[in-house]
Amino acid sequence: MAKNKGTRIIITLRCTECQKTNSNKVTSTTKSSKKIDYTTTKNRRNTPNRLELKKFCPNCNTHTKQKEIK
Protein backbone atom coordinates (compact mmCIF):
# COMPACT_ATOMS: atom_id res chain seq x y z
CA MET A 1 0.00 0.00 0.00
CA ALA A 2 1.47 3.33 -1.05
CA LYS A 3 1.60 6.12 1.50
CA ASN A 4 0.16 9.53 0.79
CA LYS A 5 2.88 12.20 0.78
CA GLY A 6 0.41 15.07 0.92
CA THR A 7 1.22 15.92 4.53
CA ARG A 8 4.92 16.57 3.84
CA ILE A 9 5.98 20.15 3.08
CA ILE A 10 9.14 21.53 1.46
CA ILE A 11 11.26 23.70 3.75
CA THR A 12 14.46 25.70 3.30
CA LEU A 13 17.43 25.46 5.66
CA ARG A 14 19.90 28.34 6.08
CA CYS A 15 23.24 28.47 7.92
CA THR A 16 23.10 30.33 11.22
CA GLU A 17 26.74 31.50 11.00
CA CYS A 18 26.57 32.98 7.47
CA GLN A 19 23.30 34.71 8.21
CA LYS A 20 24.97 36.63 11.04
CA THR A 21 27.98 37.67 8.96
CA ASN A 22 25.84 38.70 5.97
CA SER A 23 24.03 41.35 8.00
CA ASN A 24 27.39 42.90 9.02
CA LYS A 25 29.03 42.91 5.57
CA VAL A 26 27.40 44.97 2.86
CA THR A 27 29.81 44.38 -0.04
CA SER A 28 28.88 41.80 -2.63
CA THR A 29 32.50 40.85 -3.36
CA THR A 30 32.98 38.92 -0.13
CA LYS A 31 32.74 35.15 -0.16
CA SER A 32 30.18 35.06 2.66
CA SER A 33 27.70 37.27 0.78
CA LYS A 34 26.47 34.25 -1.18
CA LYS A 35 23.69 32.47 0.69
CA ILE A 36 23.50 28.77 -0.05
CA ASP A 37 20.35 27.11 1.20
CA TYR A 38 19.41 23.46 1.54
CA THR A 39 15.90 22.24 0.78
CA THR A 40 14.29 19.24 2.40
CA THR A 41 10.86 17.98 3.43
CA LYS A 42 9.30 17.49 6.82
CA ASN A 43 6.07 16.10 8.17
CA ARG A 44 3.62 18.89 8.90
CA ARG A 45 1.67 17.13 11.64
CA ASN A 46 4.47 15.62 13.73
CA THR A 47 6.95 18.53 13.78
CA PRO A 48 5.33 21.83 14.78
CA ASN A 49 8.69 23.34 15.78
CA ARG A 50 11.32 24.66 13.40
CA LEU A 51 13.71 22.04 12.08
CA GLU A 52 17.44 22.37 12.84
CA LEU A 53 20.07 20.11 11.25
CA LYS A 54 23.85 20.10 11.14
CA LYS A 55 25.04 20.34 7.52
CA PHE A 56 28.11 21.47 5.61
CA CYS A 57 28.23 25.15 4.69
CA PRO A 58 30.56 25.98 1.77
CA ASN A 59 30.77 29.64 2.84
CA CYS A 60 31.99 28.79 6.35
CA ASN A 61 33.83 25.70 5.08
CA THR A 62 32.69 23.76 8.18
CA HIS A 63 29.69 21.85 9.44
CA THR A 64 27.26 24.31 11.04
CA LYS A 65 23.70 24.34 12.28
CA GLN A 66 21.14 24.92 9.55
CA LYS A 67 17.78 26.32 10.69
CA GLU A 68 14.46 26.31 8.91
CA ILE A 69 13.40 29.65 7.42
CA LYS A 70 10.01 30.72 6.12
PDB file of N, CA and C in Angstrom:
ATOM      1  N   MET A   1       0.836  -1.175   0.000  1.00  0.00           N
ATOM      2  CA  MET A   1       0.000   0.000   0.000  1.00  0.00           C
ATOM      3  C   MET A   1       0.888   1.248   0.000  1.00  0.00           C
ATOM      4  N   ALA A   2       0.674   2.123  -0.944  1.00  0.00           N
ATOM      5  CA  ALA A   2       1.468   3.335  -1.052  1.00  0.00           C
ATOM      6  C   ALA A   2       0.982   4.364  -0.037  1.00  0.00           C
ATOM      7  N   LYS A   3       1.946   5.077   0.535  1.00  0.00           N
ATOM      8  CA  LYS A   3       1.605   6.116   1.500  1.00  0.00           C
ATOM      9  C   LYS A   3       1.354   7.432   0.783  1.00  0.00           C
ATOM     10  N   ASN A   4       0.469   8.217   1.334  1.00  0.00           N
ATOM     11  CA  ASN A   4       0.158   9.526   0.791  1.00  0.00           C
ATOM     12  C   ASN A   4       1.196  10.518   1.301  1.00  0.00           C
ATOM     13  N   LYS A   5       1.864  11.238   0.388  1.00  0.00           N
ATOM     14  CA  LYS A   5       2.878  12.203   0.780  1.00  0.00           C
ATOM     15  C   LYS A   5       2.314  13.625   0.814  1.00  0.00           C
ATOM     16  N   GLY A   6       1.021  13.758   0.921  1.00  0.00           N
ATOM     17  CA  GLY A   6       0.405  15.071   0.923  1.00  0.00           C
ATOM     18  C   GLY A   6       0.656  15.859   2.187  1.00  0.00           C
ATOM     19  N   THR A   7       1.003  15.197   3.289  1.00  0.00           N
ATOM     20  CA  THR A   7       1.216  15.920   4.533  1.00  0.00           C
ATOM     21  C   THR A   7       2.637  16.445   4.673  1.00  0.00           C
ATOM     22  N   ARG A   8       3.536  16.094   3.763  1.00  0.00           N
ATOM     23  CA  ARG A   8       4.916  16.575   3.836  1.00  0.00           C
ATOM     24  C   ARG A   8       5.040  17.911   3.095  1.00  0.00           C
ATOM     25  N   ILE A   9       5.794  18.832   3.688  1.00  0.00           N
ATOM     26  CA  ILE A   9       5.981  20.149   3.083  1.00  0.00           C
ATOM     27  C   ILE A   9       7.458  20.375   2.808  1.00  0.00           C
ATOM     28  N   ILE A  10       7.756  21.194   1.812  1.00  0.00           N
ATOM     29  CA  ILE A  10       9.138  21.525   1.455  1.00  0.00           C
ATOM     30  C   ILE A  10       9.563  22.726   2.291  1.00  0.00           C
ATOM     31  N   ILE A  11      10.736  22.603   2.937  1.00  0.00           N
ATOM     32  CA  ILE A  11      11.265  23.699   3.746  1.00  0.00           C
ATOM     33  C   ILE A  11      12.660  24.051   3.258  1.00  0.00           C
ATOM     34  N   THR A  12      13.132  25.227   3.653  1.00  0.00           N
ATOM     35  CA  THR A  12      14.462  25.701   3.298  1.00  0.00           C
ATOM     36  C   THR A  12      15.283  25.844   4.569  1.00  0.00           C
ATOM     37  N   LEU A  13      16.525  25.359   4.520  1.00  0.00           N
ATOM     38  CA  LEU A  13      17.432  25.461   5.659  1.00  0.00           C
ATOM     39  C   LEU A  13      18.535  26.457   5.329  1.00  0.00           C
ATOM     40  N   ARG A  14      18.858  27.335   6.286  1.00  0.00           N
ATOM     41  CA  ARG A  14      19.902  28.344   6.081  1.00  0.00           C
ATOM     42  C   ARG A  14      20.894  28.292   7.232  1.00  0.00           C
ATOM     43  N   CYS A  15      22.154  28.506   6.931  1.00  0.00           N
ATOM     44  CA  CYS A  15      23.238  28.471   7.920  1.00  0.00           C
ATOM     45  C   CYS A  15      23.072  29.613   8.922  1.00  0.00           C
ATOM     46  N   THR A  16      23.241  29.296  10.194  1.00  0.00           N
ATOM     47  CA  THR A  16      23.104  30.326  11.225  1.00  0.00           C
ATOM     48  C   THR A  16      24.332  31.221  11.284  1.00  0.00           C
ATOM     49  N   GLU A  17      25.512  30.710  10.942  1.00  0.00           N
ATOM     50  CA  GLU A  17      26.736  31.500  10.997  1.00  0.00           C
ATOM     51  C   GLU A  17      26.808  32.505   9.849  1.00  0.00           C
ATOM     52  N   CYS A  18      26.511  32.087   8.638  1.00  0.00           N
ATOM     53  CA  CYS A  18      26.571  32.980   7.475  1.00  0.00           C
ATOM     54  C   CYS A  18      25.514  34.072   7.559  1.00  0.00           C
ATOM     55  N   GLN A  19      24.386  33.734   8.095  1.00  0.00           N
ATOM     56  CA  GLN A  19      23.305  34.706   8.210  1.00  0.00           C
ATOM     57  C   GLN A  19      23.733  35.867   9.104  1.00  0.00           C
ATOM     58  N   LYS A  20      24.485  35.577  10.155  1.00  0.00           N
ATOM     59  CA  LYS A  20      24.974  36.632  11.044  1.00  0.00           C
ATOM     60  C   LYS A  20      26.017  37.491  10.353  1.00  0.00           C
ATOM     61  N   THR A  21      26.921  36.887   9.596  1.00  0.00           N
ATOM     62  CA  THR A  21      27.978  37.665   8.956  1.00  0.00           C
ATOM     63  C   THR A  21      27.447  38.451   7.771  1.00  0.00           C
ATOM     64  N   ASN A  22      26.395  37.980   7.117  1.00  0.00           N
ATOM     65  CA  ASN A  22      25.839  38.702   5.972  1.00  0.00           C
ATOM     66  C   ASN A  22      25.214  40.018   6.380  1.00  0.00           C
ATOM     67  N   SER A  23      24.646  40.100   7.575  1.00  0.00           N
ATOM     68  CA  SER A  23      24.032  41.349   8.000  1.00  0.00           C
ATOM     69  C   SER A  23      25.094  42.395   8.332  1.00  0.00           C
ATOM     70  N   ASN A  24      26.322  41.969   8.684  1.00  0.00           N
ATOM     71  CA  ASN A  24      27.387  42.904   9.016  1.00  0.00           C
ATOM     72  C   ASN A  24      28.130  43.398   7.779  1.00  0.00           C
ATOM     73  N   LYS A  25      28.274  42.551   6.769  1.00  0.00           N
ATOM     74  CA  LYS A  25      29.030  42.914   5.572  1.00  0.00           C
ATOM     75  C   LYS A  25      28.071  43.287   4.450  1.00  0.00           C
ATOM     76  N   VAL A  26      28.300  44.463   3.878  1.00  0.00           N
ATOM     77  CA  VAL A  26      27.397  44.969   2.857  1.00  0.00           C
ATOM     78  C   VAL A  26      27.936  44.688   1.458  1.00  0.00           C
ATOM     79  N   THR A  27      29.233  44.545   1.291  1.00  0.00           N
ATOM     80  CA  THR A  27      29.810  44.381  -0.038  1.00  0.00           C
ATOM     81  C   THR A  27      29.434  43.047  -0.644  1.00  0.00           C
ATOM     82  N   SER A  28      29.264  43.029  -1.939  1.00  0.00           N
ATOM     83  CA  SER A  28      28.881  41.801  -2.630  1.00  0.00           C
ATOM     84  C   SER A  28      30.095  41.017  -3.115  1.00  0.00           C
ATOM     85  N   THR A  29      31.303  41.539  -2.903  1.00  0.00           N
ATOM     86  CA  THR A  29      32.500  40.850  -3.364  1.00  0.00           C
ATOM     87  C   THR A  29      33.014  39.832  -2.352  1.00  0.00           C
ATOM     88  N   THR A  30      32.498  39.856  -1.138  1.00  0.00           N
ATOM     89  CA  THR A  30      32.978  38.916  -0.126  1.00  0.00           C
ATOM     90  C   THR A  30      32.421  37.535  -0.385  1.00  0.00           C
ATOM     91  N   LYS A  31      33.139  36.532   0.063  1.00  0.00           N
ATOM     92  CA  LYS A  31      32.741  35.146  -0.158  1.00  0.00           C
ATOM     93  C   LYS A  31      31.486  34.807   0.633  1.00  0.00           C
ATOM     94  N   SER A  32      31.312  35.402   1.805  1.00  0.00           N
ATOM     95  CA  SER A  32      30.182  35.058   2.663  1.00  0.00           C
ATOM     96  C   SER A  32      28.877  35.729   2.233  1.00  0.00           C
ATOM     97  N   SER A  33      28.924  36.599   1.206  1.00  0.00           N
ATOM     98  CA  SER A  33      27.705  37.268   0.781  1.00  0.00           C
ATOM     99  C   SER A  33      26.774  36.334   0.016  1.00  0.00           C
ATOM    100  N   LYS A  34      27.298  35.211  -0.483  1.00  0.00           N
ATOM    101  CA  LYS A  34      26.470  34.247  -1.184  1.00  0.00           C
ATOM    102  C   LYS A  34      25.761  33.367  -0.182  1.00  0.00           C
ATOM    103  N   LYS A  35      24.451  33.323  -0.219  1.00  0.00           N
ATOM    104  CA  LYS A  35      23.688  32.472   0.687  1.00  0.00           C
ATOM    105  C   LYS A  35      23.348  31.178  -0.035  1.00  0.00           C
ATOM    106  N   ILE A  36      23.792  30.080   0.523  1.00  0.00           N
ATOM    107  CA  ILE A  36      23.504  28.770  -0.046  1.00  0.00           C
ATOM    108  C   ILE A  36      22.542  28.075   0.896  1.00  0.00           C
ATOM    109  N   ASP A  37      21.391  27.722   0.385  1.00  0.00           N
ATOM    110  CA  ASP A  37      20.351  27.110   1.201  1.00  0.00           C
ATOM    111  C   ASP A  37      20.146  25.663   0.793  1.00  0.00           C
ATOM    112  N   TYR A  38      19.805  24.842   1.775  1.00  0.00           N
ATOM    113  CA  TYR A  38      19.415  23.462   1.537  1.00  0.00           C
ATOM    114  C   TYR A  38      17.900  23.382   1.540  1.00  0.00           C
ATOM    115  N   THR A  39      17.335  22.498   0.733  1.00  0.00           N
ATOM    116  CA  THR A  39      15.904  22.242   0.784  1.00  0.00           C
ATOM    117  C   THR A  39      15.682  20.795   1.175  1.00  0.00           C
ATOM    118  N   THR A  40      14.643  20.569   1.956  1.00  0.00           N
ATOM    119  CA  THR A  40      14.288  19.236   2.402  1.00  0.00           C
ATOM    120  C   THR A  40      12.791  19.213   2.688  1.00  0.00           C
ATOM    121  N   THR A  41      12.282  18.072   3.092  1.00  0.00           N
ATOM    122  CA  THR A  41      10.863  17.980   3.431  1.00  0.00           C
ATOM    123  C   THR A  41      10.720  17.560   4.872  1.00  0.00           C
ATOM    124  N   LYS A  42       9.602  17.925   5.465  1.00  0.00           N
ATOM    125  CA  LYS A  42       9.299  17.493   6.819  1.00  0.00           C
ATOM    126  C   LYS A  42       7.811  17.230   6.934  1.00  0.00           C
ATOM    127  N   ASN A  43       7.457  16.442   7.933  1.00  0.00           N
ATOM    128  CA  ASN A  43       6.068  16.099   8.171  1.00  0.00           C
ATOM    129  C   ASN A  43       5.390  17.262   8.890  1.00  0.00           C
ATOM    130  N   ARG A  44       4.311  17.724   8.356  1.00  0.00           N
ATOM    131  CA  ARG A  44       3.622  18.888   8.903  1.00  0.00           C
ATOM    132  C   ARG A  44       2.980  18.601  10.257  1.00  0.00           C
ATOM    133  N   ARG A  45       2.407  17.420  10.420  1.00  0.00           N
ATOM    134  CA  ARG A  45       1.670  17.126  11.642  1.00  0.00           C
ATOM    135  C   ARG A  45       2.574  16.821  12.830  1.00  0.00           C
ATOM    136  N   ASN A  46       3.665  16.096  12.615  1.00  0.00           N
ATOM    137  CA  ASN A  46       4.467  15.619  13.726  1.00  0.00           C
ATOM    138  C   ASN A  46       5.568  16.574  14.172  1.00  0.00           C
ATOM    139  N   THR A  47       5.882  17.603  13.413  1.00  0.00           N
ATOM    140  CA  THR A  47       6.953  18.533  13.784  1.00  0.00           C
ATOM    141  C   THR A  47       6.454  19.973  13.739  1.00  0.00           C
ATOM    142  N   PRO A  48       5.810  20.443  14.788  1.00  0.00           N
ATOM    143  CA  PRO A  48       5.326  21.827  14.782  1.00  0.00           C
ATOM    144  C   PRO A  48       6.451  22.846  14.970  1.00  0.00           C
ATOM    145  N   ASN A  49       7.579  22.426  15.553  1.00  0.00           N
ATOM    146  CA  ASN A  49       8.694  23.344  15.778  1.00  0.00           C
ATOM    147  C   ASN A  49       9.547  23.466  14.526  1.00  0.00           C
ATOM    148  N   ARG A  50      10.425  24.466  14.536  1.00  0.00           N
ATOM    149  CA  ARG A  50      11.320  24.657  13.400  1.00  0.00           C
ATOM    150  C   ARG A  50      12.407  23.592  13.404  1.00  0.00           C
ATOM    151  N   LEU A  51      12.721  23.089  12.237  1.00  0.00           N
ATOM    152  CA  LEU A  51      13.714  22.040  12.080  1.00  0.00           C
ATOM    153  C   LEU A  51      15.113  22.641  12.123  1.00  0.00           C
ATOM    154  N   GLU A  52      16.055  21.930  12.766  1.00  0.00           N
ATOM    155  CA  GLU A  52      17.440  22.368  12.842  1.00  0.00           C
ATOM    156  C   GLU A  52      18.336  21.154  12.629  1.00  0.00           C
ATOM    157  N   LEU A  53      19.169  21.211  11.584  1.00  0.00           N
ATOM    158  CA  LEU A  53      20.070  20.113  11.249  1.00  0.00           C
ATOM    159  C   LEU A  53      21.498  20.640  11.147  1.00  0.00           C
ATOM    160  N   LYS A  54      22.454  19.734  11.294  1.00  0.00           N
ATOM    161  CA  LYS A  54      23.854  20.095  11.136  1.00  0.00           C
ATOM    162  C   LYS A  54      24.310  19.646   9.757  1.00  0.00           C
ATOM    163  N   LYS A  55      24.638  20.618   8.890  1.00  0.00           N
ATOM    164  CA  LYS A  55      25.037  20.336   7.519  1.00  0.00           C
ATOM    165  C   LYS A  55      26.288  21.138   7.178  1.00  0.00           C
ATOM    166  N   PHE A  56      26.911  20.773   6.064  1.00  0.00           N
ATOM    167  CA  PHE A  56      28.112  21.468   5.614  1.00  0.00           C
ATOM    168  C   PHE A  56      27.745  22.775   4.935  1.00  0.00           C
ATOM    169  N   CYS A  57      28.429  23.841   5.313  1.00  0.00           N
ATOM    170  CA  CYS A  57      28.229  25.152   4.686  1.00  0.00           C
ATOM    171  C   CYS A  57      29.483  25.492   3.885  1.00  0.00           C
ATOM    172  N   PRO A  58      29.379  25.651   2.563  1.00  0.00           N
ATOM    173  CA  PRO A  58      30.557  25.980   1.765  1.00  0.00           C
ATOM    174  C   PRO A  58      31.106  27.375   2.032  1.00  0.00           C
ATOM    175  N   ASN A  59      30.280  28.300   2.515  1.00  0.00           N
ATOM    176  CA  ASN A  59      30.767  29.641   2.841  1.00  0.00           C
ATOM    177  C   ASN A  59      31.652  29.622   4.079  1.00  0.00           C
ATOM    178  N   CYS A  60      31.213  28.894   5.109  1.00  0.00           N
ATOM    179  CA  CYS A  60      31.991  28.792   6.349  1.00  0.00           C
ATOM    180  C   CYS A  60      33.082  27.734   6.236  1.00  0.00           C
ATOM    181  N   ASN A  61      32.917  26.813   5.308  1.00  0.00           N
ATOM    182  CA  ASN A  61      33.834  25.696   5.077  1.00  0.00           C
ATOM    183  C   ASN A  61      33.892  24.755   6.287  1.00  0.00           C
ATOM    184  N   THR A  62      32.801  24.661   7.030  1.00  0.00           N
ATOM    185  CA  THR A  62      32.689  23.763   8.176  1.00  0.00           C
ATOM    186  C   THR A  62      31.262  23.246   8.259  1.00  0.00           C
ATOM    187  N   HIS A  63      31.038  22.307   9.158  1.00  0.00           N
ATOM    188  CA  HIS A  63      29.688  21.853   9.444  1.00  0.00           C
ATOM    189  C   HIS A  63      29.073  22.795  10.476  1.00  0.00           C
ATOM    190  N   THR A  64      27.935  23.374  10.152  1.00  0.00           N
ATOM    191  CA  THR A  64      27.263  24.313  11.044  1.00  0.00           C
ATOM    192  C   THR A  64      25.801  23.939  11.171  1.00  0.00           C
ATOM    193  N   LYS A  65      25.122  24.579  12.103  1.00  0.00           N
ATOM    194  CA  LYS A  65      23.697  24.343  12.277  1.00  0.00           C
ATOM    195  C   LYS A  65      22.929  25.065  11.187  1.00  0.00           C
ATOM    196  N   GLN A  66      22.002  24.362  10.599  1.00  0.00           N
ATOM    197  CA  GLN A  66      21.142  24.919   9.554  1.00  0.00           C
ATOM    198  C   GLN A  66      19.733  24.973  10.110  1.00  0.00           C
ATOM    199  N   LYS A  67      19.130  26.160  10.148  1.00  0.00           N
ATOM    200  CA  LYS A  67      17.780  26.321  10.689  1.00  0.00           C
ATOM    201  C   LYS A  67      16.780  26.541   9.570  1.00  0.00           C
ATOM    202  N   GLU A  68      15.559  26.145   9.856  1.00  0.00           N
ATOM    203  CA  GLU A  68      14.465  26.312   8.908  1.00  0.00           C
ATOM    204  C   GLU A  68      14.080  27.790   8.841  1.00  0.00           C
ATOM    205  N   ILE A  69      13.877  28.282   7.618  1.00  0.00           N
ATOM    206  CA  ILE A  69      13.403  29.649   7.420  1.00  0.00           C
ATOM    207  C   ILE A  69      12.048  29.590   6.737  1.00  0.00           C
ATOM    208  N   LYS A  70      11.314  30.676   6.784  1.00  0.00           N
ATOM    209  CA  LYS A  70      10.012  30.723   6.124  1.00  0.00           C
ATOM    210  C   LYS A  70      10.149  31.211   4.721  1.00  0.00           C
TER     211      LYS A  70
END
